[in-house]
Amino acid sequence: MKTCHEFDTVRAEYEREIGFMLAHSKRHEGRPAAKSSAKQAASTKQRMARALSTHVGRCPECG
């Protein structure tokens, strides 16, 4: 699947944010902050999927 620059940029931003949350979760393992961060990472993955799906549906270069 060929994607445009904007798709790659949006994906990279979401993956960076998810990486930060997962790293925080690992650093604070066993604490409530770790559990919260892991849950936020999971919901961010869902938001990323929704955002990219919407982008592909609207972008003439990707879709």
N, C-alpha and C. Protein backbone atom coordinates (compact mmCIF):
# COMPACT_ATOMS: atom_id res chain seq x y z
N MET A 1 0.84 -1.18 0.00
CA MET A 1 0.00 0.00 0.00
C MET A 1 0.89 1.24 0.00
N LYS A 2 0.69 2.10 -0.97
CA LYS A 2 1.46 3.33 -1.07
C LYS A 2 0.77 4.40 -0.23
N THR A 3 1.55 5.08 0.59
CA THR A 3 0.99 6.12 1.45
C THR A 3 1.71 7.44 1.21
N CYS A 4 1.05 8.52 1.59
CA CYS A 4 1.62 9.85 1.40
C CYS A 4 2.46 10.25 2.61
N HIS A 5 3.09 11.40 2.48
CA HIS A 5 3.96 11.92 3.54
C HIS A 5 3.16 12.22 4.81
N GLU A 6 1.97 12.75 4.65
CA GLU A 6 1.15 13.10 5.82
C GLU A 6 0.79 11.85 6.62
N PHE A 7 0.46 10.76 5.92
CA PHE A 7 0.15 9.50 6.59
C PHE A 7 1.34 9.04 7.43
N ASP A 8 2.52 9.09 6.83
CA ASP A 8 3.74 8.67 7.54
C ASP A 8 4.02 9.56 8.74
N THR A 9 3.77 10.84 8.60
CA THR A 9 3.99 11.79 9.70
C THR A 9 3.04 11.52 10.85
N VAL A 10 1.77 11.35 10.55
CA VAL A 10 0.77 11.08 11.59
C VAL A 10 1.09 9.77 12.31
N ARG A 11 1.43 8.76 11.54
CA ARG A 11 1.76 7.46 12.12
C ARG A 11 2.98 7.56 13.05
N ALA A 12 4.00 8.27 12.59
CA ALA A 12 5.23 8.41 13.39
C ALA A 12 4.95 9.15 14.71
N GLU A 13 4.09 10.17 14.66
CA GLU A 13 3.76 10.91 15.88
C GLU A 13 3.04 10.02 16.88
N TYR A 14 2.07 9.26 16.40
CA TYR A 14 1.34 8.36 17.29
C TYR A 14 2.27 7.28 17.87
N GLU A 15 3.11 6.69 17.02
CA GLU A 15 4.01 5.64 17.49
C GLU A 15 5.01 6.17 18.51
N ARG A 16 5.46 7.41 18.33
CA ARG A 16 6.37 8.03 19.29
C ARG A 16 5.68 8.20 20.64
N GLU A 17 4.45 8.71 20.60
CA GLU A 17 3.69 8.91 21.84
C GLU A 17 3.43 7.58 22.55
N ILE A 18 3.08 6.55 21.79
CA ILE A 18 2.84 5.23 22.36
C ILE A 18 4.12 4.69 22.98
N GLY A 19 5.23 4.89 22.31
CA GLY A 19 6.53 4.44 22.83
C GLY A 19 6.86 5.09 24.16
N PHE A 20 6.58 6.39 24.27
CA PHE A 20 6.82 7.10 25.54
C PHE A 20 5.98 6.50 26.66
N MET A 21 4.70 6.24 26.36
CA MET A 21 3.80 5.70 27.38
C MET A 21 4.22 4.31 27.82
N LEU A 22 4.61 3.47 26.87
CA LEU A 22 5.04 2.12 27.22
C LEU A 22 6.35 2.13 28.01
N ALA A 23 7.25 3.04 27.65
CA ALA A 23 8.51 3.15 28.39
C ALA A 23 8.24 3.61 29.82
N HIS A 24 7.33 4.54 29.98
CA HIS A 24 6.96 5.01 31.31
C HIS A 24 6.37 3.87 32.12
N SER A 25 5.54 3.08 31.46
CA SER A 25 4.91 1.94 32.13
C SER A 25 5.95 0.93 32.61
N LYS A 26 6.98 0.69 31.80
CA LYS A 26 8.02 -0.25 32.19
C LYS A 26 8.88 0.31 33.33
N ARG A 27 9.15 1.62 33.28
CA ARG A 27 9.98 2.24 34.31
C ARG A 27 9.30 2.20 35.68
N HIS A 28 7.98 2.33 35.69
CA HIS A 28 7.24 2.41 36.94
C HIS A 28 6.42 1.15 37.19
N GLU A 29 6.94 0.03 36.77
CA GLU A 29 6.25 -1.25 36.90
C GLU A 29 5.83 -1.50 38.36
N GLY A 30 4.60 -1.94 38.53
CA GLY A 30 4.10 -2.25 39.86
C GLY A 30 3.41 -1.08 40.55
N ARG A 31 3.39 0.06 39.91
CA ARG A 31 2.75 1.25 40.48
C ARG A 31 1.48 1.57 39.70
N PRO A 32 0.58 2.31 40.30
CA PRO A 32 -0.64 2.71 39.58
C PRO A 32 -0.35 3.52 38.31
N ALA A 33 0.73 4.30 38.34
CA ALA A 33 1.09 5.11 37.17
C ALA A 33 1.40 4.22 35.96
N ALA A 34 1.99 3.07 36.21
CA ALA A 34 2.32 2.15 35.12
C ALA A 34 1.06 1.60 34.48
N LYS A 35 0.12 1.24 35.29
CA LYS A 35 -1.14 0.69 34.77
C LYS A 35 -1.89 1.76 33.96
N SER A 36 -1.91 2.97 34.47
CA SER A 36 -2.56 4.07 33.78
C SER A 36 -1.89 4.35 32.43
N SER A 37 -0.59 4.34 32.43
CA SER A 37 0.16 4.60 31.21
C SER A 37 -0.07 3.50 30.17
N ALA A 38 -0.14 2.27 30.61
CA ALA A 38 -0.39 1.15 29.70
C ALA A 38 -1.79 1.26 29.09
N LYS A 39 -2.76 1.66 29.90
CA LYS A 39 -4.12 1.84 29.38
C LYS A 39 -4.18 2.98 28.37
N GLN A 40 -3.46 4.06 28.66
CA GLN A 40 -3.43 5.19 27.73
C GLN A 40 -2.76 4.78 26.41
N ALA A 41 -1.75 3.96 26.49
CA ALA A 41 -1.08 3.49 25.27
C ALA A 41 -2.03 2.67 24.42
N ALA A 42 -2.82 1.82 25.06
CA ALA A 42 -3.79 1.00 24.33
C ALA A 42 -4.85 1.87 23.66
N SER A 43 -5.34 2.87 24.36
CA SER A 43 -6.36 3.73 23.77
C SER A 43 -5.76 4.60 22.66
N THR A 44 -4.49 4.96 22.80
CA THR A 44 -3.82 5.74 21.76
C THR A 44 -3.64 4.90 20.50
N LYS A 45 -3.40 3.62 20.66
CA LYS A 45 -3.30 2.73 19.49
C LYS A 45 -4.62 2.70 18.74
N GLN A 46 -5.72 2.68 19.47
CA GLN A 46 -7.04 2.69 18.83
C GLN A 46 -7.29 4.02 18.11
N ARG A 47 -6.89 5.12 18.75
CA ARG A 47 -7.05 6.43 18.11
C ARG A 47 -6.19 6.53 16.85
N MET A 48 -4.98 5.96 16.90
CA MET A 48 -4.11 5.97 15.73
C MET A 48 -4.76 5.22 14.58
N ALA A 49 -5.31 4.05 14.87
CA ALA A 49 -5.96 3.26 13.84
C ALA A 49 -7.13 4.02 13.22
N ARG A 50 -7.92 4.67 14.07
CA ARG A 50 -9.07 5.44 13.59
C ARG A 50 -8.61 6.62 12.73
N ALA A 51 -7.59 7.33 13.18
CA ALA A 51 -7.09 8.49 12.45
C ALA A 51 -6.51 8.09 11.10
N LEU A 52 -5.75 7.01 11.08
CA LEU A 52 -5.14 6.58 9.81
C LEU A 52 -6.19 6.04 8.85
N SER A 53 -7.17 5.35 9.38
CA SER A 53 -8.26 4.83 8.54
C SER A 53 -9.03 5.99 7.90
N THR A 54 -9.32 7.00 8.69
CA THR A 54 -10.02 8.17 8.18
C THR A 54 -9.17 8.87 7.12
N HIS A 55 -7.89 8.97 7.38
CA HIS A 55 -6.98 9.62 6.43
C HIS A 55 -6.99 8.89 5.09
N VAL A 56 -6.87 7.58 5.13
CA VAL A 56 -6.84 6.80 3.89
C VAL A 56 -8.15 6.97 3.12
N GLY A 57 -9.25 7.06 3.84
CA GLY A 57 -10.54 7.24 3.19
C GLY A 57 -10.69 8.59 2.51
N ARG A 58 -9.99 9.59 2.99
CA ARG A 58 -10.14 10.95 2.46
C ARG A 58 -9.01 11.39 1.55
N CYS A 59 -7.86 10.80 1.67
CA CYS A 59 -6.68 11.25 0.92
C CYS A 59 -6.69 10.65 -0.50
N PRO A 60 -6.61 11.50 -1.52
CA PRO A 60 -6.60 10.97 -2.89
C PRO A 60 -5.32 10.20 -3.23
N GLU A 61 -4.22 10.53 -2.54
CA GLU A 61 -2.95 9.85 -2.81
C GLU A 61 -2.89 8.47 -2.16
N CYS A 62 -3.47 8.34 -0.96
CA CYS A 62 -3.43 7.07 -0.22
C CYS A 62 -4.55 6.14 -0.65
N GLY A 63 -5.72 6.69 -0.86
CA GLY A 63 -6.90 5.86 -1.13
C GLY A 63 -7.07 5.61 -2.54
